[in-house]
């Protein structure tokens, strides 16, 4: 296998040109490549490649178009991340409130294994997760201002403080080890059944990692799919062989999840901001249509209408 050799900015430009890209302002393009990285930028090339010649750009494709998609994804990622942080904070608040109310506010009380699902298939996971949380107490006890304050002044860290230093991944897993009655209590707050809420949290935690690590978002697909919802039905999403073609494991599925777990106001703001981003990208595209991007995202043409559909229980179709 041949080694990948270093290419300077001029050589990177020549690769783009060789593949059929139009570069109108070479100084600008070099500056972008230096700041943004050729490898990261070229990761957005796929929508601009010819179908019958996937190593060659569609005629008329410009460097500015490629960079516009790159910037759109960055702004889209920031928007989603902002809303995922709201969801994460809400989950941490709800979980800590419900469990502190029932099991107490000292870690010696709320982290007792008997507070969780100790069935044979769950007991190992329970013990492993409790160890992770206790490790967070040890690590952050002297590093994080809130945990340090409680340890120094009270000798313990309440769950509503501990959740501040727990990852969304741990919070997602935390839900899966709760006793059934605690899962029911939390699910009622969200108005989402237990199975689907568990799936939601796992998907949301995965997307939080995608956003935090600045991976390509707009065409991301998850291994998990969501169940059919009223949103699929009311938006008239197409079915093939009895399965919806959009909104299952794509970015529209994420939007459906966010519709369920965010407040109405947050959802409307999200839709408004996202619409502005899409309109701006549409203005900057010339060699392809915006519909090609929306198709890759899994968005139906009437995607904005999701904000106007009243929240329903998840399993109501």
C-alpha atoms as a PDB file:
ATOM      1  CA  UNK A   1       0.000   0.000   0.000  1.00  0.00           C
ATOM      2  CA  UNK A   2       1.350   3.418  -0.988  1.00  0.00           C
ATOM      3  CA  UNK A   3       2.009   5.943   1.767  1.00  0.00           C
ATOM      4  CA  UNK A   4      -0.013   9.155   1.778  1.00  0.00           C
ATOM      5  CA  UNK A   5       2.503  11.893   1.077  1.00  0.00           C
ATOM      6  CA  UNK A   6       2.307  15.427   2.426  1.00  0.00           C
ATOM      7  CA  UNK A   7       0.841  17.890  -0.085  1.00  0.00           C
ATOM      8  CA  UNK A   8       1.478  21.620   0.155  1.00  0.00           C
ATOM      9  CA  UNK A   9      -1.287  24.145  -0.515  1.00  0.00           C
ATOM     10  CA  UNK A  10      -0.479  24.473  -4.214  1.00  0.00           C
ATOM     11  CA  UNK A  11      -0.569  20.687  -4.613  1.00  0.00           C
ATOM     12  CA  UNK A  12      -3.868  20.478  -2.748  1.00  0.00           C
ATOM     13  CA  UNK A  13      -5.305  23.078  -5.121  1.00  0.00           C
ATOM     14  CA  UNK A  14      -4.105  21.070  -8.096  1.00  0.00           C
ATOM     15  CA  UNK A  15      -5.887  17.971  -6.815  1.00  0.00           C
ATOM     16  CA  UNK A  16      -9.159  19.906  -6.678  1.00  0.00           C
ATOM     17  CA  UNK A  17      -8.613  21.260 -10.191  1.00  0.00           C
ATOM     18  CA  UNK A  18      -7.617  17.854 -11.565  1.00  0.00           C
ATOM     19  CA  UNK A  19     -10.927  16.498 -10.327  1.00  0.00           C
ATOM     20  CA  UNK A  20     -12.840  19.246 -12.126  1.00  0.00           C
ATOM     21  CA  UNK A  21     -13.413  21.865  -9.461  1.00  0.00           C
ATOM     22  CA  UNK A  22     -13.488  25.551 -10.371  1.00  0.00           C
ATOM     23  CA  UNK A  23     -11.363  27.759  -8.097  1.00  0.00           C
ATOM     24  CA  UNK A  24     -12.038  31.411  -8.807  1.00  0.00           C
ATOM     25  CA  UNK A  25      -9.956  32.979  -6.017  1.00  0.00           C
ATOM     26  CA  UNK A  26      -6.848  30.914  -5.370  1.00  0.00           C
ATOM     27  CA  UNK A  27      -5.554  33.145  -2.585  1.00  0.00           C
ATOM     28  CA  UNK A  28      -8.840  32.786  -0.728  1.00  0.00           C
ATOM     29  CA  UNK A  29      -8.891  29.019  -1.297  1.00  0.00           C
ATOM     30  CA  UNK A  30      -5.342  28.608   0.031  1.00  0.00           C
ATOM     31  CA  UNK A  31      -6.215  30.599   3.134  1.00  0.00           C
ATOM     32  CA  UNK A  32      -9.250  28.379   3.752  1.00  0.00           C
ATOM     33  CA  UNK A  33      -7.234  25.198   3.224  1.00  0.00           C
ATOM     34  CA  UNK A  34      -4.575  26.373   5.651  1.00  0.00           C
ATOM     35  CA  UNK A  35      -7.127  27.174   8.349  1.00  0.00           C
ATOM     36  CA  UNK A  36      -9.633  24.374   7.799  1.00  0.00           C
ATOM     37  CA  UNK A  37      -7.557  21.370   6.607  1.00  0.00           C
ATOM     38  CA  UNK A  38      -7.821  19.793   3.149  1.00  0.00           C
ATOM     39  CA  UNK A  39      -8.803  16.416   4.609  1.00  0.00           C
ATOM     40  CA  UNK A  40     -11.723  17.829   6.614  1.00  0.00           C
ATOM     41  CA  UNK A  41     -12.954  19.983   3.756  1.00  0.00           C
ATOM     42  CA  UNK A  42     -12.797  17.229   1.144  1.00  0.00           C
ATOM     43  CA  UNK A  43     -14.989  15.119   3.429  1.00  0.00           C
ATOM     44  CA  UNK A  44     -17.913  17.181   2.099  1.00  0.00           C
ATOM     45  CA  UNK A  45     -17.191  16.438  -1.569  1.00  0.00           C
ATOM     46  CA  UNK A  46     -19.595  13.530  -2.073  1.00  0.00           C
ATOM     47  CA  UNK A  47     -22.717  15.541  -2.966  1.00  0.00           C
ATOM     48  CA  UNK A  48     -20.720  17.355  -5.646  1.00  0.00           C
ATOM     49  CA  UNK A  49     -19.311  14.273  -7.401  1.00  0.00           C
ATOM     50  CA  UNK A  50     -20.618  12.906 -10.699  1.00  0.00           C
ATOM     51  CA  UNK A  51     -22.712   9.744 -10.434  1.00  0.00           C
ATOM     52  CA  UNK A  52     -21.012   7.983 -13.321  1.00  0.00           C
ATOM     53  CA  UNK A  53     -17.572   9.284 -12.374  1.00  0.00           C
ATOM     54  CA  UNK A  54     -17.447   9.556  -8.551  1.00  0.00           C
ATOM     55  CA  UNK A  55     -13.865  10.854  -8.581  1.00  0.00           C
ATOM     56  CA  UNK A  56     -14.800  13.883 -10.671  1.00  0.00           C
ATOM     57  CA  UNK A  57     -16.799  16.929  -9.625  1.00  0.00           C
ATOM     58  CA  UNK A  58     -20.063  17.907 -11.291  1.00  0.00           C
ATOM     59  CA  UNK A  59     -19.374  20.482 -13.980  1.00  0.00           C
ATOM     60  CA  UNK A  60     -19.435  23.993 -12.517  1.00  0.00           C
ATOM     61  CA  UNK A  61     -18.731  22.956  -8.932  1.00  0.00           C
ATOM     62  CA  UNK A  62     -16.795  25.715  -7.193  1.00  0.00           C
ATOM     63  CA  UNK A  63     -14.539  25.732  -4.173  1.00  0.00           C
ATOM     64  CA  UNK A  64     -16.876  28.256  -2.570  1.00  0.00           C
ATOM     65  CA  UNK A  65     -19.774  25.786  -2.808  1.00  0.00           C
ATOM     66  CA  UNK A  66     -17.803  23.060  -1.091  1.00  0.00           C
ATOM     67  CA  UNK A  67     -16.781  25.468   1.645  1.00  0.00           C
ATOM     68  CA  UNK A  68     -20.390  26.650   2.001  1.00  0.00           C
ATOM     69  CA  UNK A  69     -21.512  23.102   2.773  1.00  0.00           C
ATOM     70  CA  UNK A  70     -18.627  22.769   5.229  1.00  0.00           C
ATOM     71  CA  UNK A  71     -19.683  25.993   6.997  1.00  0.00           C
ATOM     72  CA  UNK A  72     -23.335  24.990   6.957  1.00  0.00           C
ATOM     73  CA  UNK A  73     -22.485  21.753   8.713  1.00  0.00           C
ATOM     74  CA  UNK A  74     -20.415  23.602  11.315  1.00  0.00           C
ATOM     75  CA  UNK A  75     -23.280  26.001  12.040  1.00  0.00           C
ATOM     76  CA  UNK A  76     -25.803  23.158  11.996  1.00  0.00           C
ATOM     77  CA  UNK A  77     -23.622  21.173  14.394  1.00  0.00           C
ATOM     78  CA  UNK A  78     -23.361  24.173  16.750  1.00  0.00           C
ATOM     79  CA  UNK A  79     -27.134  24.624  16.658  1.00  0.00           C
ATOM     80  CA  UNK A  80     -27.814  20.976  17.419  1.00  0.00           C
ATOM     81  CA  UNK A  81     -25.152  20.936  20.124  1.00  0.00           C
ATOM     82  CA  UNK A  82     -26.733  23.957  21.802  1.00  0.00           C
ATOM     83  CA  UNK A  83     -30.073  22.174  21.951  1.00  0.00           C
ATOM     84  CA  UNK A  84     -28.546  18.880  23.049  1.00  0.00           C
ATOM     85  CA  UNK A  85     -27.022  20.711  26.015  1.00  0.00           C
ATOM     86  CA  UNK A  86     -30.535  21.869  26.949  1.00  0.00           C
ATOM     87  CA  UNK A  87     -31.794  18.285  26.737  1.00  0.00           C
ATOM     88  CA  UNK A  88     -28.822  17.033  28.754  1.00  0.00           C
ATOM     89  CA  UNK A  89     -29.361  19.608  31.493  1.00  0.00           C
ATOM     90  CA  UNK A  90     -33.092  18.804  31.618  1.00  0.00           C
ATOM     91  CA  UNK A  91     -32.395  15.071  31.932  1.00  0.00           C
ATOM     92  CA  UNK A  92     -29.843  15.600  34.699  1.00  0.00           C
ATOM     93  CA  UNK A  93     -32.273  17.836  36.596  1.00  0.00           C
ATOM     94  CA  UNK A  94     -35.210  15.422  36.239  1.00  0.00           C
ATOM     95  CA  UNK A  95     -33.185  12.337  37.154  1.00  0.00           C
ATOM     96  CA  UNK A  96     -31.515  13.915  40.181  1.00  0.00           C
ATOM     97  CA  UNK A  97     -34.790  15.360  41.468  1.00  0.00           C
ATOM     98  CA  UNK A  98     -36.730  12.108  41.199  1.00  0.00           C
ATOM     99  CA  UNK A  99     -34.014   9.933  42.708  1.00  0.00           C
ATOM    100  CA  UNK A 100     -32.932  12.342  45.454  1.00  0.00           C
ATOM    101  CA  UNK A 101     -36.547  12.661  46.553  1.00  0.00           C
ATOM    102  CA  UNK A 102     -36.817   8.893  46.869  1.00  0.00           C
ATOM    103  CA  UNK A 103     -33.366   7.691  47.913  1.00  0.00           C
ATOM    104  CA  UNK A 104     -31.710  10.613  49.703  1.00  0.00           C
ATOM    105  CA  UNK A 105     -29.084  13.229  48.950  1.00  0.00           C
ATOM    106  CA  UNK A 106     -25.860  11.554  50.134  1.00  0.00           C
ATOM    107  CA  UNK A 107     -23.939   9.310  47.726  1.00  0.00           C
ATOM    108  CA  UNK A 108     -23.875   6.628  50.436  1.00  0.00           C
ATOM    109  CA  UNK A 109     -27.678   6.610  50.142  1.00  0.00           C
ATOM    110  CA  UNK A 110     -28.495   7.200  46.470  1.00  0.00           C
ATOM    111  CA  UNK A 111     -25.676   5.004  45.095  1.00  0.00           C
ATOM    112  CA  UNK A 112     -26.675   1.870  46.983  1.00  0.00           C
ATOM    113  CA  UNK A 113     -27.051  -1.076  44.562  1.00  0.00           C
ATOM    114  CA  UNK A 114     -30.450  -2.000  46.063  1.00  0.00           C
ATOM    115  CA  UNK A 115     -31.838   1.260  44.626  1.00  0.00           C
ATOM    116  CA  UNK A 116     -31.406  -0.118  41.118  1.00  0.00           C
ATOM    117  CA  UNK A 117     -32.504  -3.050  38.982  1.00  0.00           C
ATOM    118  CA  UNK A 118     -30.490  -5.895  40.518  1.00  0.00           C
ATOM    119  CA  UNK A 119     -31.913  -8.626  38.283  1.00  0.00           C
ATOM    120  CA  UNK A 120     -29.288 -11.189  37.150  1.00  0.00           C
ATOM    121  CA  UNK A 121     -28.990  -9.596  33.697  1.00  0.00           C
ATOM    122  CA  UNK A 122     -28.526  -6.087  35.117  1.00  0.00           C
ATOM    123  CA  UNK A 123     -26.533  -6.525  38.331  1.00  0.00           C
ATOM    124  CA  UNK A 124     -23.097  -6.358  36.702  1.00  0.00           C
ATOM    125  CA  UNK A 125     -24.034  -3.225  34.760  1.00  0.00           C
ATOM    126  CA  UNK A 126     -25.377  -1.640  37.956  1.00  0.00           C
ATOM    127  CA  UNK A 127     -22.154  -2.295  39.856  1.00  0.00           C
ATOM    128  CA  UNK A 128     -20.009  -1.056  36.947  1.00  0.00           C
ATOM    129  CA  UNK A 129     -21.979   2.178  36.613  1.00  0.00           C
ATOM    130  CA  UNK A 130     -21.916   2.852  40.348  1.00  0.00           C
ATOM    131  CA  UNK A 131     -18.116   2.458  40.203  1.00  0.00           C
ATOM    132  CA  UNK A 132     -17.963   4.966  37.326  1.00  0.00           C
ATOM    133  CA  UNK A 133     -20.002   7.487  39.302  1.00  0.00           C
ATOM    134  CA  UNK A 134     -17.919   7.034  42.463  1.00  0.00           C
ATOM    135  CA  UNK A 135     -14.802   7.516  40.348  1.00  0.00           C
ATOM    136  CA  UNK A 136     -16.231  10.812  39.132  1.00  0.00           C
ATOM    137  CA  UNK A 137     -16.681  11.850  42.754  1.00  0.00           C
ATOM    138  CA  UNK A 138     -13.035  11.054  43.501  1.00  0.00           C
ATOM    139  CA  UNK A 139     -11.724  12.733  40.346  1.00  0.00           C
ATOM    140  CA  UNK A 140     -13.868  15.859  40.501  1.00  0.00           C
ATOM    141  CA  UNK A 141     -14.100  16.212  44.257  1.00  0.00           C
ATOM    142  CA  UNK A 142     -11.006  18.382  44.357  1.00  0.00           C
ATOM    143  CA  UNK A 143     -11.166  19.792  40.809  1.00  0.00           C
ATOM    144  CA  UNK A 144     -14.714  20.993  40.203  1.00  0.00           C
ATOM    145  CA  UNK A 145     -15.831  23.998  42.241  1.00  0.00           C
ATOM    146  CA  UNK A 146     -19.321  22.687  43.009  1.00  0.00           C
ATOM    147  CA  UNK A 147     -18.256  19.208  44.096  1.00  0.00           C
ATOM    148  CA  UNK A 148     -15.310  20.617  46.055  1.00  0.00           C
ATOM    149  CA  UNK A 149     -17.638  23.016  47.873  1.00  0.00           C
ATOM    150  CA  UNK A 150     -19.948  20.216  49.034  1.00  0.00           C
ATOM    151  CA  UNK A 151     -17.117  17.878  50.009  1.00  0.00           C
ATOM    152  CA  UNK A 152     -15.295  20.560  51.991  1.00  0.00           C
ATOM    153  CA  UNK A 153     -18.369  21.946  53.716  1.00  0.00           C
ATOM    154  CA  UNK A 154     -20.681  18.953  54.061  1.00  0.00           C
ATOM    155  CA  UNK A 155     -18.575  15.851  53.421  1.00  0.00           C
ATOM    156  CA  UNK A 156     -20.795  14.509  50.635  1.00  0.00           C
ATOM    157  CA  UNK A 157     -21.931  15.343  47.094  1.00  0.00           C
ATOM    158  CA  UNK A 158     -25.693  15.426  46.398  1.00  0.00           C
ATOM    159  CA  UNK A 159     -26.866  13.801  43.189  1.00  0.00           C
ATOM    160  CA  UNK A 160     -28.074  17.158  41.839  1.00  0.00           C
ATOM    161  CA  UNK A 161     -24.458  18.350  42.046  1.00  0.00           C
ATOM    162  CA  UNK A 162     -22.845  15.103  40.912  1.00  0.00           C
ATOM    163  CA  UNK A 163     -24.807  15.076  37.641  1.00  0.00           C
ATOM    164  CA  UNK A 164     -22.986  18.255  36.652  1.00  0.00           C
ATOM    165  CA  UNK A 165     -19.786  16.256  36.087  1.00  0.00           C
ATOM    166  CA  UNK A 166     -21.396  13.135  34.589  1.00  0.00           C
ATOM    167  CA  UNK A 167     -21.355  12.652  30.819  1.00  0.00           C
ATOM    168  CA  UNK A 168     -24.570  12.384  28.827  1.00  0.00           C
ATOM    169  CA  UNK A 169     -23.490   8.814  28.028  1.00  0.00           C
ATOM    170  CA  UNK A 170     -23.491   7.901  31.718  1.00  0.00           C
ATOM    171  CA  UNK A 171     -26.866   9.616  32.207  1.00  0.00           C
ATOM    172  CA  UNK A 172     -28.254   7.628  29.264  1.00  0.00           C
ATOM    173  CA  UNK A 173     -26.963   4.363  30.716  1.00  0.00           C
ATOM    174  CA  UNK A 174     -28.138   5.386  34.189  1.00  0.00           C
ATOM    175  CA  UNK A 175     -31.749   5.300  33.000  1.00  0.00           C
ATOM    176  CA  UNK A 176     -31.410   1.682  31.845  1.00  0.00           C
ATOM    177  CA  UNK A 177     -30.462   0.407  35.336  1.00  0.00           C
ATOM    178  CA  UNK A 178     -33.250   2.126  37.266  1.00  0.00           C
ATOM    179  CA  UNK A 179     -36.021   0.162  38.920  1.00  0.00           C
ATOM    180  CA  UNK A 180     -39.164  -0.123  36.828  1.00  0.00           C
ATOM    181  CA  UNK A 181     -41.163   2.240  39.047  1.00  0.00           C
ATOM    182  CA  UNK A 182     -38.461   4.912  38.720  1.00  0.00           C
ATOM    183  CA  UNK A 183     -38.372   4.509  34.936  1.00  0.00           C
ATOM    184  CA  UNK A 184     -42.142   4.901  34.883  1.00  0.00           C
ATOM    185  CA  UNK A 185     -42.022   8.076  36.993  1.00  0.00           C
ATOM    186  CA  UNK A 186     -39.407   9.687  34.727  1.00  0.00           C
ATOM    187  CA  UNK A 187     -41.118   8.528  31.523  1.00  0.00           C
ATOM    188  CA  UNK A 188     -44.378  10.149  32.660  1.00  0.00           C
ATOM    189  CA  UNK A 189     -42.600  13.498  32.963  1.00  0.00           C
ATOM    190  CA  UNK A 190     -41.454  13.205  29.350  1.00  0.00           C
ATOM    191  CA  UNK A 191     -44.767  11.656  28.224  1.00  0.00           C
ATOM    192  CA  UNK A 192     -42.724   9.004  26.399  1.00  0.00           C
ATOM    193  CA  UNK A 193     -42.843   5.285  27.098  1.00  0.00           C
ATOM    194  CA  UNK A 194     -39.863   3.603  28.760  1.00  0.00           C
ATOM    195  CA  UNK A 195     -38.529   1.667  25.770  1.00  0.00           C
ATOM    196  CA  UNK A 196     -38.518   4.669  23.483  1.00  0.00           C
ATOM    197  CA  UNK A 197     -37.154   7.099  26.070  1.00  0.00           C
ATOM    198  CA  UNK A 198     -34.233   4.733  26.651  1.00  0.00           C
ATOM    199  CA  UNK A 199     -33.620   4.640  22.895  1.00  0.00           C
ATOM    200  CA  UNK A 200     -33.901   8.435  22.677  1.00  0.00           C
ATOM    201  CA  UNK A 201     -31.311   9.026  25.376  1.00  0.00           C
ATOM    202  CA  UNK A 202     -28.813   6.686  23.749  1.00  0.00           C
ATOM    203  CA  UNK A 203     -29.218   8.356  20.337  1.00  0.00           C
ATOM    204  CA  UNK A 204     -28.979  11.847  21.846  1.00  0.00           C
ATOM    205  CA  UNK A 205     -25.809  10.917  23.739  1.00  0.00           C
ATOM    206  CA  UNK A 206     -24.305   9.612  20.488  1.00  0.00           C
ATOM    207  CA  UNK A 207     -25.125  12.854  18.656  1.00  0.00           C
ATOM    208  CA  UNK A 208     -23.658  14.872  21.504  1.00  0.00           C
ATOM    209  CA  UNK A 209     -20.363  13.066  20.911  1.00  0.00           C
ATOM    210  CA  UNK A 210     -20.589  13.674  17.150  1.00  0.00           C
ATOM    211  CA  UNK A 211     -21.068  17.393  17.761  1.00  0.00           C
ATOM    212  CA  UNK A 212     -18.428  17.667  20.495  1.00  0.00           C
ATOM    213  CA  UNK A 213     -15.802  16.001  18.278  1.00  0.00           C
ATOM    214  CA  UNK A 214     -16.795  18.117  15.242  1.00  0.00           C
ATOM    215  CA  UNK A 215     -17.526  15.118  13.039  1.00  0.00           C
ATOM    216  CA  UNK A 216     -19.578  15.530   9.850  1.00  0.00           C
ATOM    217  CA  UNK A 217     -23.180  15.805  10.993  1.00  0.00           C
ATOM    218  CA  UNK A 218     -25.544  16.552   8.117  1.00  0.00           C
ATOM    219  CA  UNK A 219     -25.476  13.035   6.635  1.00  0.00           C
ATOM    220  CA  UNK A 220     -24.829  11.116   9.841  1.00  0.00           C
ATOM    221  CA  UNK A 221     -26.745   7.874  10.303  1.00  0.00           C
ATOM    222  CA  UNK A 222     -27.153   6.076  13.619  1.00  0.00           C
ATOM    223  CA  UNK A 223     -27.084   2.344  14.219  1.00  0.00           C
ATOM    224  CA  UNK A 224     -30.285   2.652  16.243  1.00  0.00           C
ATOM    225  CA  UNK A 225     -33.576   3.528  14.576  1.00  0.00           C
ATOM    226  CA  UNK A 226     -36.551   5.180  16.233  1.00  0.00           C
ATOM    227  CA  UNK A 227     -40.017   3.693  16.170  1.00  0.00           C
ATOM    228  CA  UNK A 228     -42.761   5.077  13.943  1.00  0.00           C
ATOM    229  CA  UNK A 229     -44.386   8.219  15.341  1.00  0.00           C
ATOM    230  CA  UNK A 230     -47.339  10.490  14.735  1.00  0.00           C
ATOM    231  CA  UNK A 231     -44.901  12.877  13.035  1.00  0.00           C
ATOM    232  CA  UNK A 232     -44.115  10.326  10.335  1.00  0.00           C
ATOM    233  CA  UNK A 233     -47.846   9.902   9.732  1.00  0.00           C
ATOM    234  CA  UNK A 234     -48.964  13.534   9.775  1.00  0.00           C
ATOM    235  CA  UNK A 235     -46.074  14.709   7.613  1.00  0.00           C
ATOM    236  CA  UNK A 236     -46.957  12.048   5.033  1.00  0.00           C
ATOM    237  CA  UNK A 237     -43.470  10.572   4.881  1.00  0.00           C
ATOM    238  CA  UNK A 238     -43.175   8.039   2.080  1.00  0.00           C
ATOM    239  CA  UNK A 239     -43.128   4.328   2.829  1.00  0.00           C
ATOM    240  CA  UNK A 240     -41.344   1.603   0.859  1.00  0.00           C
ATOM    241  CA  UNK A 241     -42.163  -2.023   1.667  1.00  0.00           C
ATOM    242  CA  UNK A 242     -44.022  -0.810   4.736  1.00  0.00           C
ATOM    243  CA  UNK A 243     -41.075   1.163   6.138  1.00  0.00           C
ATOM    244  CA  UNK A 244     -40.711   4.937   6.308  1.00  0.00           C
ATOM    245  CA  UNK A 245     -37.904   6.195   4.086  1.00  0.00           C
ATOM    246  CA  UNK A 246     -37.070   9.194   6.281  1.00  0.00           C
ATOM    247  CA  UNK A 247     -36.992   9.950   9.975  1.00  0.00           C
ATOM    248  CA  UNK A 248     -35.761   6.575  11.205  1.00  0.00           C
ATOM    249  CA  UNK A 249     -31.972   6.764  11.755  1.00  0.00           C
ATOM    250  CA  UNK A 250     -31.115  10.053  10.047  1.00  0.00           C
ATOM    251  CA  UNK A 251     -31.043  13.724  11.025  1.00  0.00           C
ATOM    252  CA  UNK A 252     -34.804  14.027  10.706  1.00  0.00           C
ATOM    253  CA  UNK A 253     -35.133  11.239  13.271  1.00  0.00           C
ATOM    254  CA  UNK A 254     -33.008  13.423  15.554  1.00  0.00           C
ATOM    255  CA  UNK A 255     -35.348  16.347  14.870  1.00  0.00           C
ATOM    256  CA  UNK A 256     -38.329  14.141  15.796  1.00  0.00           C
ATOM    257  CA  UNK A 257     -36.608  13.235  19.062  1.00  0.00           C
ATOM    258  CA  UNK A 258     -35.843  16.873  19.846  1.00  0.00           C
ATOM    259  CA  UNK A 259     -39.476  17.737  19.098  1.00  0.00           C
ATOM    260  CA  UNK A 260     -40.472  15.293  21.821  1.00  0.00           C
ATOM    261  CA  UNK A 261     -38.021  16.299  24.546  1.00  0.00           C
ATOM    262  CA  UNK A 262     -37.635  20.071  24.099  1.00  0.00           C
ATOM    263  CA  UNK A 263     -40.169  22.711  25.074  1.00  0.00           C
ATOM    264  CA  UNK A 264     -42.416  24.161  22.356  1.00  0.00           C
ATOM    265  CA  UNK A 265     -40.513  27.441  22.485  1.00  0.00           C
ATOM    266  CA  UNK A 266     -37.131  25.746  22.130  1.00  0.00           C
ATOM    267  CA  UNK A 267     -38.403  23.717  19.179  1.00  0.00           C
ATOM    268  CA  UNK A 268     -39.734  26.783  17.382  1.00  0.00           C
ATOM    269  CA  UNK A 269     -36.428  28.584  17.877  1.00  0.00           C
ATOM    270  CA  UNK A 270     -34.557  25.535  16.607  1.00  0.00           C
ATOM    271  CA  UNK A 271     -36.698  25.348  13.464  1.00  0.00           C
ATOM    272  CA  UNK A 272     -36.338  29.083  12.782  1.00  0.00           C
ATOM    273  CA  UNK A 273     -32.550  28.998  13.142  1.00  0.00           C
ATOM    274  CA  UNK A 274     -32.224  25.852  11.064  1.00  0.00           C
ATOM    275  CA  UNK A 275     -34.419  27.299   8.326  1.00  0.00           C
ATOM    276  CA  UNK A 276     -32.137  30.344   8.118  1.00  0.00           C
ATOM    277  CA  UNK A 277     -29.084  28.105   7.810  1.00  0.00           C
ATOM    278  CA  UNK A 278     -30.677  26.067   5.026  1.00  0.00           C
ATOM    279  CA  UNK A 279     -31.805  29.183   3.135  1.00  0.00           C
ATOM    280  CA  UNK A 280     -28.287  30.609   3.357  1.00  0.00           C
ATOM    281  CA  UNK A 281     -26.798  27.379   2.013  1.00  0.00           C
ATOM    282  CA  UNK A 282     -29.392  27.324  -0.772  1.00  0.00           C
ATOM    283  CA  UNK A 283     -28.266  30.792  -1.855  1.00  0.00           C
ATOM    284  CA  UNK A 284     -24.647  29.647  -2.065  1.00  0.00           C
ATOM    285  CA  UNK A 285     -25.257  26.448  -4.039  1.00  0.00           C
ATOM    286  CA  UNK A 286     -25.150  26.506  -7.852  1.00  0.00           C
ATOM    287  CA  UNK A 287     -24.065  23.123  -9.167  1.00  0.00           C
ATOM    288  CA  UNK A 288     -26.533  21.162  -7.005  1.00  0.00           C
ATOM    289  CA  UNK A 289     -29.984  21.874  -5.575  1.00  0.00           C
ATOM    290  CA  UNK A 290     -30.665  22.296  -1.853  1.00  0.00           C
ATOM    291  CA  UNK A 291     -33.019  19.306  -2.101  1.00  0.00           C
ATOM    292  CA  UNK A 292     -29.980  17.099  -2.573  1.00  0.00           C
ATOM    293  CA  UNK A 293     -28.663  18.194   0.813  1.00  0.00           C
ATOM    294  CA  UNK A 294     -32.059  17.788   2.490  1.00  0.00           C
ATOM    295  CA  UNK A 295     -32.375  14.301   1.007  1.00  0.00           C
ATOM    296  CA  UNK A 296     -29.032  13.321   2.521  1.00  0.00           C
ATOM    297  CA  UNK A 297     -30.200  14.697   5.876  1.00  0.00           C
ATOM    298  CA  UNK A 298     -33.415  12.660   5.643  1.00  0.00           C
ATOM    299  CA  UNK A 299     -35.573  15.816   5.692  1.00  0.00           C
ATOM    300  CA  UNK A 300     -38.945  15.731   3.894  1.00  0.00           C
ATOM    301  CA  UNK A 301     -39.929  18.855   1.927  1.00  0.00           C
ATOM    302  CA  UNK A 302     -42.417  19.861   4.648  1.00  0.00           C
ATOM    303  CA  UNK A 303     -39.951  19.336   7.517  1.00  0.00           C
ATOM    304  CA  UNK A 304     -40.688  22.736   9.098  1.00  0.00           C
ATOM    305  CA  UNK A 305     -44.283  21.698   9.838  1.00  0.00           C
ATOM    306  CA  UNK A 306     -43.063  19.462  12.653  1.00  0.00           C
ATOM    307  CA  UNK A 307     -42.989  22.522  14.931  1.00  0.00           C
ATOM    308  CA  UNK A 308     -46.749  23.011  14.412  1.00  0.00           C
ATOM    309  CA  UNK A 309     -47.750  19.449  15.318  1.00  0.00           C
ATOM    310  CA  UNK A 310     -48.943  19.190  18.895  1.00  0.00           C
ATOM    311  CA  UNK A 311     -46.903  16.909  21.124  1.00  0.00           C
ATOM    312  CA  UNK A 312     -48.399  13.438  21.436  1.00  0.00           C
ATOM    313  CA  UNK A 313     -47.466  10.298  23.346  1.00  0.00           C
ATOM    314  CA  UNK A 314     -44.683   8.606  21.413  1.00  0.00           C
ATOM    315  CA  UNK A 315     -46.660   5.483  20.518  1.00  0.00           C
ATOM    316  CA  UNK A 316     -49.684   7.372  19.225  1.00  0.00           C
ATOM    317  CA  UNK A 317     -49.804   7.099  15.455  1.00  0.00           C
END
